[in-house]
Protein backbone atom coordinates (compact mmCIF):
# COMPACT_ATOMS: atom_id res chain seq x y z
CA MET A 1 20.06 -3.01 -5.69
CA ASP A 2 19.67 0.35 -7.93
CA ASP A 3 20.10 3.54 -6.48
CA ARG A 4 16.37 4.29 -6.61
CA ASN A 5 15.60 1.05 -4.85
CA LYS A 6 18.06 2.27 -1.95
CA LEU A 7 16.49 5.51 -1.81
CA LEU A 8 12.93 3.69 -0.93
CA HIS A 9 14.60 1.06 1.47
CA ASP A 10 16.36 3.87 2.78
CA TRP A 11 13.43 6.19 3.40
CA THR A 12 10.95 3.07 4.40
CA GLU A 13 13.26 2.67 7.07
CA GLN A 14 13.35 6.24 8.42
CA LEU A 15 9.97 6.56 8.39
CA LEU A 16 9.68 2.90 10.42
CA ALA A 17 11.86 4.53 12.81
CA ALA A 18 10.25 7.89 12.91
CA PHE A 19 6.83 6.17 13.92
CA GLU A 20 8.48 3.90 16.61
CA ILE A 21 7.75 0.57 14.18
CA ASP A 22 11.25 -0.46 13.11
CA GLY A 23 11.27 -3.82 11.95
CA THR A 24 7.86 -3.83 10.33
CA ASP A 25 8.03 -5.74 6.84
CA VAL A 26 7.29 -3.15 4.38
CA ASP A 27 6.74 -5.07 0.38
CA ILE A 28 7.66 -1.84 -1.64
CA ASP A 29 7.12 -3.53 -4.44
CA ALA A 30 3.61 -4.69 -3.55
CA VAL A 31 2.68 -1.21 -2.31
CA LEU A 32 4.30 0.60 -5.70
CA GLY A 33 2.41 -1.99 -7.48
CA LEU A 34 -0.81 -1.16 -5.83
CA ALA A 35 -0.23 2.64 -6.30
CA GLY A 36 0.02 1.65 -10.11
CA LYS A 37 -3.01 0.05 -10.59
CA ALA A 38 -4.56 2.93 -8.72
CA ALA A 39 -2.88 5.72 -10.79
CA HIS A 40 -3.90 3.77 -13.58
CA GLY A 41 -7.03 1.93 -13.33
CA VAL A 42 -8.72 5.48 -11.51
CA VAL A 43 -7.20 8.02 -11.43
CA ARG A 44 -3.68 9.40 -10.56
CA PRO A 45 -4.41 11.01 -7.40
CA ALA A 46 -6.03 7.79 -6.45
CA ALA A 47 -2.62 6.15 -5.70
CA PRO A 48 -1.41 8.28 -2.84
CA LEU A 49 -5.06 7.89 -1.04
CA THR A 50 -5.27 4.15 -1.70
CA THR A 51 -2.26 3.30 -0.24
CA PHE A 52 -3.27 5.18 2.48
CA VAL A 53 -6.10 3.61 3.12
CA VAL A 54 -4.99 0.34 2.82
CA GLY A 55 -2.33 1.05 5.23
CA TYR A 56 -4.92 2.72 7.79
CA ALA A 57 -7.43 -0.44 7.43
CA ALA A 58 -4.37 -2.84 8.09
CA GLY A 59 -3.47 -0.90 11.29
CA LEU A 60 -7.02 -0.71 12.46
CA ALA A 61 -7.42 -4.40 11.70
CA VAL A 62 -3.91 -5.04 14.08
CA GLY A 63 -5.10 -2.86 16.27
CA SER A 64 -8.66 -4.51 17.01
CA GLY A 65 -7.08 -7.67 17.08
CA GLN A 66 -9.10 -9.24 13.79
CA ALA A 67 -5.83 -9.74 12.36
CA ASP A 68 -1.77 -10.32 12.65
CA GLU A 69 0.12 -7.66 10.53
CA GLN A 70 0.61 -9.73 7.61
CA LEU A 71 -2.81 -11.07 7.02
CA ALA A 72 -4.04 -7.33 7.77
CA MET A 73 -1.71 -6.30 4.85
CA ARG A 74 -2.44 -8.78 2.59
CA SER A 75 -6.37 -8.62 2.94
CA ALA A 76 -6.85 -4.93 2.30
CA MET A 77 -4.12 -5.24 -0.26
CA ALA A 78 -6.17 -7.79 -2.18
CA VAL A 79 -9.33 -5.64 -1.57
CA ALA A 80 -8.12 -2.48 -3.12
CA ASP A 81 -6.71 -4.56 -6.02
CA ALA A 82 -10.10 -5.83 -6.52
CA LEU A 83 -11.51 -2.18 -6.36
CA CYS A 84 -8.88 -1.07 -8.88
CA ALA A 85 -9.31 -4.16 -11.36
CA ARG A 86 -12.80 -3.15 -11.50
CA ALA A 87 -12.17 0.55 -11.71
CA ALA A 88 -10.05 0.15 -14.45
CA ALA A 89 -12.42 -2.70 -16.59
CA GLU A 90 -15.17 0.05 -16.47
CA GLY A 91 -12.99 2.57 -17.57
CA SER A 92 -10.63 5.17 -16.36
CA PRO A 93 -11.95 8.96 -16.64
CA GLU A 94 -8.53 9.93 -17.98
């Protein structure tokens, strides 16, 4: 693991501990990939907004009993990924 990946892994672990959700599986590469698609397919500030909304939507699905953690996250990521692809196909304003 290189320094950047270690830093991201450690930061993620600190965040999970701070929110008392230790042990939650976070696919850092998938989150960063989605952020990249949003940044390049929509507009750069869409990256943090997209990842926030995906996490929020997944959390709501889990909290309401609609899905388990893995399914909720995969589903929310898939919706956002499709929207990013559509935005990129339509042309980014940047």
